[in-house]
Amino acid sequence: MQYNFSNRFKNLKPSPAGDILAMMGDPTLIKFSGGNPATDSFPIDKITEFSNEVLTTKPLSVLEYGLTEGYHPLLQEAKKFLNRDGNVVRDEDMMICTSGSQQIADFLAKVVCNEGDTVLTEDPSFLGVLDSIRSNGANLVGVKMEDDGIDLSDLEEKLQIKPTPKFIYVIPNFQNPTGITMSLEKRKAVYELCKKYGVLILEDNPYGQLRFSGEAVPPIKSFDEEGIVIYAASFSKIIAPGIRVACAVGKPKIIGAIKQVKFLNDVHSTTWSQVICERILATCDMDAQIEKLKEIYGAKNKVMQDEMAKNFHPSVKYTKPEGGMFVWVTLPDGVDMMKFVGEALENKVALVPGTAFLADTSMPCQSFRMNFSTPSTEDIIKGIEILGKLTYKYCK
């Protein structure tokens, strides 16, 4: 059979995300390549209890079709939960439940982007969302990153691209892949610049609750008076990723458009997952759940930082995140990063090459991403020892 695929599909490149997920099933690897939450943090007992309860007492409520915008009790609980971080969900805002936050980026691109339109992104940024935006025919343009977030001068230059970019994608807290947190001053400046040039902001905050050191910084959405921010919140990292529950928040006109696209895509997110998420938010001690996560990730990050300081060649640079799951490691100029990552894999240590996270994946990159939430403490120590020897081999 001859299959005549569309030009848009034929132009898609295989996503590295598929290879990363495939690696996670190999028990012989030390998996610094993942982005999964620690499995010992999942509230399995509560998920089991609430699943049994709802299937026993009101099974039709989760087995019938639901509303496209989502299960209303969940949206109410999510609003209360998100507003713990500031004025994220205002009374005039609209919310919609989606199947993970990556779906929000995909649907926003479908709503606002025509073929060839420009979308700005932090460079590097989360490869899953970058691939989703590309799949909608948009042209990604990267904005440089600094130690405290996006480079404002580069941002203003890119905001003046003609035709005007449709939106910018940012992860202000413990960014994936760098672990960098955008300063309050830069958050306000990003908002003002985007307001000045008429560009929407997609603010993705999947890691914001996972701060294990430093002071919390309010979301950009909390000082949005113009309605230019679409806020993406996910429960994958604080409950469990398999439930695939996220929420988009913004003005009714833009969220209503996303709702139309969602209806055409999958009608609604799984009602069972939404009900379980609502029950957990409404009845469980979320502060204790989040504190447990922060303790796990803070301890693992400390081990990784200590081991890198002890084992890595002095010319190797790496970020020091205050939360989240990731560290961004940069090899000195002249070192072949891809060859380094390949030899690490031969030694059973899986990394993700930095090129996968670039707006233009053909550009050179000296960095790779490491994850500390997935591997055990023992694997972190063993893996860093292996990588340390490689840094001394490659960095003369």
Foldseek 3Di string as FASTA:
>chain_A
DDDDDDPLVVPADDACVVVLVVLVPDPLFLRQADQAFFPVLAPVVLLVVLLVVCCVPPVCQQVPADALQADVLLVVLVCVVVCVLAPQFDPQKGKGKFQALLLVLLLLLVLFPDAAAEEEEAFQADLSNLSSNVSSRYQYDHFYADQQGTDLVSVLVQCPDPPGHAAYEYAQALTPAAGHHHDLVVLVSVLVSCVVSVHAYEYEYAWQLFFLDDDRHHHSSNPDPPFRYWYKYDCCRLHNSVLRIIMIMTHCVSVVSSSVVSCVVPNHRRNSSSSSSSCCSVPPDSVVSSVVSNVLQVVLLVLLVVLCVVQADPQKDKHRHRGRWKIKIFADPPFDQVVLQVVLVVVSYHWADSLSRGSHSVDDGRIIMTTRRYGDSVSSNVSSNVSSVSNVVRPD
